[in-house]
Amino acid sequence: MAIISIAALASKANQSMKEFFLTMQEFFFFSVRAFVTLPKLRRYWRDFLDQATIAGTDSIPIVLVSSISIGALLAVEVGNLLEDFGAKTMLGRSTALSVIRELGPLLMGLMLSARYGSRNGAELGAMKISEQIDALRAFGTDPIAKLVMPRLAAALIVFIPLTAIADFAGLHSAAWLAEHYHKIDPGIFWNAVFPRLVLKDFVVGFLKAPVFAIIITLVSSFNGFSATGGTAGVGRSTIKGIVVSSGLILIANFYVSKIVLENM
């Protein structure tokens, strides 16, 4: 019995590995096709503008809420810690590095993974199970060029200004808390920010925006295209897209920071 159980587990593990590598292969070709169709953007400019509005303008409120909250929290917690060491005047420097390098782009990526990624997965999944994607193929339209490429192009463009908005809101909320909670003069706070920021700090933060855009758009769209099993399948594919893209964002956040900081 033990031998049979081990053989069954080995067979199941082997099947799971085959499915995993097959999925990775399909995702690779899906991603390549999405990038190859980017020159067709002019043909689908209306779809691009719609997606830019959804990913950009409509996402500003959630980006502002998250960045303002984390900036205020950093100002309170880091300020309390620095006060114990008599270095409260360095609050501006500490907050700026944290927001611009890491927390600004990371929170923006996670929020958009939940908001924009879930929309992509649900919308494309619903189109898949209702056979609208097959109808596009029947009429000679490339569904990836029509549905995925505009989303990818829009995310690549609008995620950068969204990162700037997140950094701006986070720093100003931190400055407000520093003035009213820690009683730090605004001039002292900002004097610790601007003269000490270097190009490397901005490269680390803003380079993450297009990386996150690629991850969120391609992962959510691929899961939408892979939806099966009716409305329940759409829900599963949407959740899977959010979970996978959020995990990849956390991993990419670490490696982008590591590569840039070590090579600049």
Protein backbone atom coordinates (compact mmCIF):
# COMPACT_ATOMS: atom_id res chain seq x y z
CA MET A 1 0.00 0.00 0.00
CA ALA A 2 2.83 2.38 0.85
CA ILE A 3 4.49 1.72 -2.51
CA ILE A 4 1.20 2.39 -4.32
CA SER A 5 0.70 5.64 -2.40
CA ILE A 6 4.23 6.81 -3.20
CA ALA A 7 3.74 5.95 -6.86
CA ALA A 8 0.45 7.86 -6.94
CA LEU A 9 2.06 10.92 -5.32
CA ALA A 10 4.99 10.76 -7.74
CA SER A 11 2.60 10.56 -10.68
CA LYS A 12 0.57 13.49 -9.37
CA ALA A 13 3.72 15.56 -8.81
CA ASN A 14 4.93 14.72 -12.30
CA GLN A 15 1.61 15.79 -13.80
CA SER A 16 1.66 19.03 -11.81
CA MET A 17 5.17 19.82 -13.04
CA LYS A 18 4.14 19.18 -16.64
CA GLU A 19 1.15 21.50 -16.26
CA PHE A 20 3.32 24.17 -14.66
CA PHE A 21 5.92 24.17 -17.44
CA LEU A 22 3.19 24.05 -20.09
CA THR A 23 1.56 27.10 -18.50
CA MET A 24 4.90 28.91 -18.39
CA GLN A 25 5.43 28.14 -22.06
CA GLU A 26 1.98 29.42 -22.97
CA PHE A 27 2.53 32.57 -20.88
CA PHE A 28 5.87 33.22 -22.59
CA PHE A 29 4.37 33.04 -26.08
CA PHE A 30 1.39 35.12 -24.92
CA SER A 31 3.74 37.82 -23.62
CA VAL A 32 5.85 37.81 -26.78
CA ARG A 33 2.74 38.25 -28.93
CA ALA A 34 1.59 41.16 -26.75
CA PHE A 35 4.90 42.98 -27.25
CA VAL A 36 5.13 42.12 -30.94
CA THR A 37 1.73 43.73 -31.59
CA LEU A 38 2.74 47.07 -29.97
CA PRO A 39 3.45 48.63 -33.42
CA LYS A 40 -0.28 48.21 -34.15
CA LEU A 41 -1.14 50.68 -31.38
CA ARG A 42 -2.24 53.36 -33.86
CA ARG A 43 -4.99 51.06 -35.13
CA TYR A 44 -6.39 50.55 -31.62
CA TRP A 45 -5.82 54.05 -30.24
CA ARG A 46 -9.40 54.34 -28.95
CA ASP A 47 -8.94 51.16 -26.88
CA PHE A 48 -5.63 52.56 -25.67
CA LEU A 49 -7.24 55.81 -24.50
CA ASP A 50 -10.01 53.90 -22.70
CA GLN A 51 -7.48 51.73 -20.89
CA ALA A 52 -5.29 54.73 -20.06
CA THR A 53 -8.29 56.38 -18.40
CA ILE A 54 -9.11 53.22 -16.46
CA ALA A 55 -5.53 52.49 -15.38
CA GLY A 56 -4.52 56.12 -14.87
CA THR A 57 -7.17 58.71 -14.07
CA ASP A 58 -9.58 56.33 -12.36
CA SER A 59 -6.79 54.89 -10.22
CA ILE A 60 -5.63 58.19 -8.74
CA PRO A 61 -7.96 58.07 -5.67
CA ILE A 62 -6.76 54.65 -4.46
CA VAL A 63 -3.12 55.61 -5.11
CA LEU A 64 -3.55 58.83 -3.12
CA VAL A 65 -5.24 57.07 -0.19
CA SER A 66 -2.55 54.41 0.10
CA SER A 67 0.40 56.78 -0.34
CA ILE A 68 -0.93 59.40 2.07
CA SER A 69 -1.57 56.70 4.68
CA ILE A 70 1.87 55.15 4.41
CA GLY A 71 3.60 58.55 4.39
CA ALA A 72 1.81 59.58 7.56
CA LEU A 73 2.54 56.24 9.22
CA LEU A 74 6.23 56.48 8.33
CA ALA A 75 6.46 59.99 9.74
CA VAL A 76 4.97 58.89 13.06
CA GLU A 77 6.86 55.61 13.53
CA VAL A 78 10.25 56.62 12.10
CA GLY A 79 10.04 59.97 13.89
CA ASN A 80 9.46 58.24 17.22
CA LEU A 81 12.43 55.95 16.58
CA LEU A 82 14.76 58.78 15.55
CA GLU A 83 13.67 60.84 18.55
CA ASP A 84 15.04 58.15 20.84
CA PHE A 85 18.48 58.68 19.27
CA GLY A 86 18.25 62.47 19.12
CA ALA A 87 18.21 62.44 15.32
CA LYS A 88 14.69 63.67 14.68
CA THR A 89 15.93 66.20 12.12
CA MET A 90 16.81 63.28 9.80
CA LEU A 91 13.13 62.34 9.48
CA GLY A 92 12.87 63.99 6.06
CA ARG A 93 15.80 62.02 4.66
CA SER A 94 14.58 58.69 6.04
CA THR A 95 11.02 59.22 4.84
CA ALA A 96 12.08 60.39 1.38
CA LEU A 97 14.27 57.35 0.77
CA SER A 98 11.58 54.98 1.98
CA VAL A 99 8.81 56.54 -0.11
CA ILE A 100 10.69 57.26 -3.34
CA ARG A 101 12.75 54.07 -3.50
CA GLU A 102 10.38 51.48 -2.12
CA LEU A 103 6.98 52.20 -0.63
CA GLY A 104 5.66 54.65 -3.23
CA PRO A 105 6.07 52.38 -6.27
CA LEU A 106 5.39 49.20 -4.28
CA LEU A 107 2.06 50.37 -2.88
CA MET A 108 1.10 51.77 -6.27
CA GLY A 109 1.85 48.38 -7.84
CA LEU A 110 -0.08 46.40 -5.26
CA MET A 111 -3.10 48.71 -5.40
CA LEU A 112 -3.19 48.58 -9.20
CA SER A 113 -2.72 44.83 -9.15
CA ALA A 114 -5.93 44.62 -7.12
CA ARG A 115 -7.80 47.29 -9.07
CA TYR A 116 -6.57 47.18 -12.66
CA GLY A 117 -5.47 43.55 -12.67
CA SER A 118 -8.77 42.29 -11.30
CA ARG A 119 -10.66 44.30 -13.91
CA ASN A 120 -8.56 42.84 -16.71
CA GLY A 121 -8.97 39.30 -15.44
CA ALA A 122 -12.72 39.56 -14.91
CA GLU A 123 -13.43 41.38 -18.19
CA LEU A 124 -11.30 39.12 -20.37
CA GLY A 125 -12.46 36.02 -18.52
CA ALA A 126 -16.10 36.94 -19.14
CA MET A 127 -15.30 37.50 -22.82
CA LYS A 128 -13.58 34.11 -22.95
CA ILE A 129 -16.44 32.08 -21.50
CA SER A 130 -19.02 33.97 -23.59
CA GLU A 131 -16.94 33.15 -26.71
CA GLN A 132 -16.42 36.80 -27.64
CA ILE A 133 -12.69 36.16 -28.02
CA ASP A 134 -13.42 33.28 -30.41
CA ALA A 135 -15.74 35.60 -32.34
CA LEU A 136 -12.90 38.09 -32.77
CA ARG A 137 -10.71 35.35 -34.21
CA ALA A 138 -13.53 34.28 -36.53
CA PHE A 139 -13.74 37.83 -37.92
CA GLY A 140 -9.97 37.91 -38.52
CA THR A 141 -9.05 40.13 -35.56
CA ASP A 142 -6.10 39.23 -33.36
CA PRO A 143 -7.59 39.22 -29.83
CA ILE A 144 -4.22 39.88 -28.22
CA ALA A 145 -3.66 42.97 -30.40
CA LYS A 146 -7.21 44.16 -29.74
CA LEU A 147 -7.59 43.34 -26.05
CA VAL A 148 -4.16 42.92 -24.44
CA MET A 149 -1.79 45.24 -26.30
CA PRO A 150 -3.74 48.47 -25.55
CA ARG A 151 -3.84 47.50 -21.88
CA LEU A 152 -0.10 46.88 -21.85
CA ALA A 153 0.73 50.14 -23.64
CA ALA A 154 -1.57 52.15 -21.38
CA ALA A 155 -0.09 50.65 -18.20
CA LEU A 156 3.48 51.25 -19.40
CA ILE A 157 2.71 54.94 -19.90
CA VAL A 158 0.41 55.83 -17.00
CA PHE A 159 2.15 53.87 -14.22
CA ILE A 160 5.09 56.31 -14.26
CA PRO A 161 3.03 59.46 -13.45
CA LEU A 162 1.05 57.42 -10.92
CA THR A 163 4.33 56.61 -9.19
CA ALA A 164 5.19 60.32 -9.14
CA ILE A 165 1.79 61.10 -7.64
CA ALA A 166 2.30 58.42 -4.98
CA ASP A 167 5.74 59.82 -4.08
CA PHE A 168 4.43 63.40 -3.96
CA ALA A 169 1.45 62.54 -1.75
CA GLY A 170 3.49 60.32 0.56
CA LEU A 171 6.18 62.92 1.13
CA HIS A 172 3.75 65.77 1.75
CA SER A 173 1.68 63.73 4.20
CA ALA A 174 4.91 62.86 6.02
CA ALA A 175 5.90 66.53 6.07
CA TRP A 176 2.52 67.51 7.50
CA LEU A 177 2.78 64.91 10.26
CA ALA A 178 6.37 65.91 10.96
CA GLU A 179 5.27 69.52 11.47
CA HIS A 180 2.13 68.90 13.51
CA TYR A 181 3.01 65.68 15.36
CA HIS A 182 6.78 65.90 15.90
CA LYS A 183 6.90 69.72 15.83
CA ILE A 184 9.64 69.75 13.18
CA ASP A 185 9.95 72.96 11.19
CA PRO A 186 9.01 72.36 7.50
CA GLY A 187 12.27 73.98 6.39
CA ILE A 188 14.29 71.46 8.41
CA PHE A 189 12.23 68.58 7.00
CA TRP A 190 12.59 69.59 3.34
CA ASN A 191 16.23 70.59 3.77
CA ALA A 192 16.89 66.98 4.76
CA VAL A 193 15.09 65.77 1.62
CA PHE A 194 16.12 67.72 -1.47
CA PRO A 195 19.90 68.23 -1.13
CA ARG A 196 20.45 64.56 -0.30
CA LEU A 197 18.42 62.89 -3.04
CA VAL A 198 20.54 61.62 -5.94
CA LEU A 199 19.69 60.23 -9.38
CA LYS A 200 19.98 56.66 -8.13
CA ASP A 201 17.08 57.16 -5.73
CA PHE A 202 14.74 58.21 -8.54
CA VAL A 203 15.95 55.50 -10.93
CA VAL A 204 15.22 52.79 -8.36
CA GLY A 205 11.67 54.02 -7.82
CA PHE A 206 10.63 54.94 -11.34
CA LEU A 207 12.18 51.90 -13.00
CA LYS A 208 9.77 49.74 -11.04
CA ALA A 209 6.72 51.36 -12.68
CA PRO A 210 7.12 49.77 -16.15
CA VAL A 211 8.20 46.47 -14.59
CA PHE A 212 5.03 46.38 -12.47
CA ALA A 213 2.96 47.44 -15.50
CA ILE A 214 4.22 44.47 -17.50
CA ILE A 215 3.64 42.03 -14.66
CA ILE A 216 0.14 43.22 -13.78
CA THR A 217 -1.14 43.49 -17.35
CA LEU A 218 0.28 40.27 -18.76
CA VAL A 219 -0.47 38.06 -15.76
CA SER A 220 -4.07 39.28 -15.34
CA SER A 221 -4.77 39.18 -19.08
CA PHE A 222 -3.28 35.70 -19.45
CA ASN A 223 -5.43 34.38 -16.63
CA GLY A 224 -8.46 36.01 -18.20
CA PHE A 225 -7.73 34.33 -21.53
CA SER A 226 -7.33 31.02 -19.69
CA ALA A 227 -10.66 31.17 -17.83
CA THR A 228 -12.85 28.06 -18.07
CA GLY A 229 -15.89 26.77 -16.22
CA GLY A 230 -18.41 29.56 -16.39
CA THR A 231 -18.69 32.44 -13.95
CA ALA A 232 -16.98 30.47 -11.19
CA GLY A 233 -14.04 30.00 -13.52
CA VAL A 234 -13.90 33.75 -14.12
CA GLY A 235 -13.71 34.30 -10.37
CA ARG A 236 -10.92 31.73 -10.00
CA SER A 237 -8.89 33.20 -12.86
CA THR A 238 -9.31 36.73 -11.50
CA ILE A 239 -8.18 35.76 -8.01
CA LYS A 240 -5.27 33.79 -9.41
CA GLY A 241 -4.17 36.76 -11.47
CA ILE A 242 -4.22 39.08 -8.45
CA VAL A 243 -2.33 36.64 -6.22
CA VAL A 244 0.34 35.78 -8.80
CA SER A 245 0.90 39.37 -9.94
CA SER A 246 1.09 40.64 -6.35
CA GLY A 247 3.67 37.99 -5.48
CA LEU A 248 5.71 38.77 -8.59
CA ILE A 249 5.57 42.49 -7.77
CA LEU A 250 7.08 41.85 -4.33
CA ILE A 251 9.83 39.72 -5.88
CA ALA A 252 10.51 42.22 -8.68
CA ASN A 253 10.59 45.07 -6.16
CA PHE A 254 13.49 43.42 -4.36
CA TYR A 255 15.51 42.54 -7.45
CA VAL A 256 15.07 45.91 -9.18
CA SER A 257 16.30 47.67 -6.02
CA LYS A 258 19.20 45.26 -5.64
CA ILE A 259 20.34 45.53 -9.27
CA VAL A 260 20.12 49.32 -9.48
CA LEU A 261 21.69 50.02 -6.10
CA GLU A 262 24.58 47.67 -6.82
CA ASN A 263 25.30 49.05 -10.28
CA MET A 264 24.90 52.82 -9.88
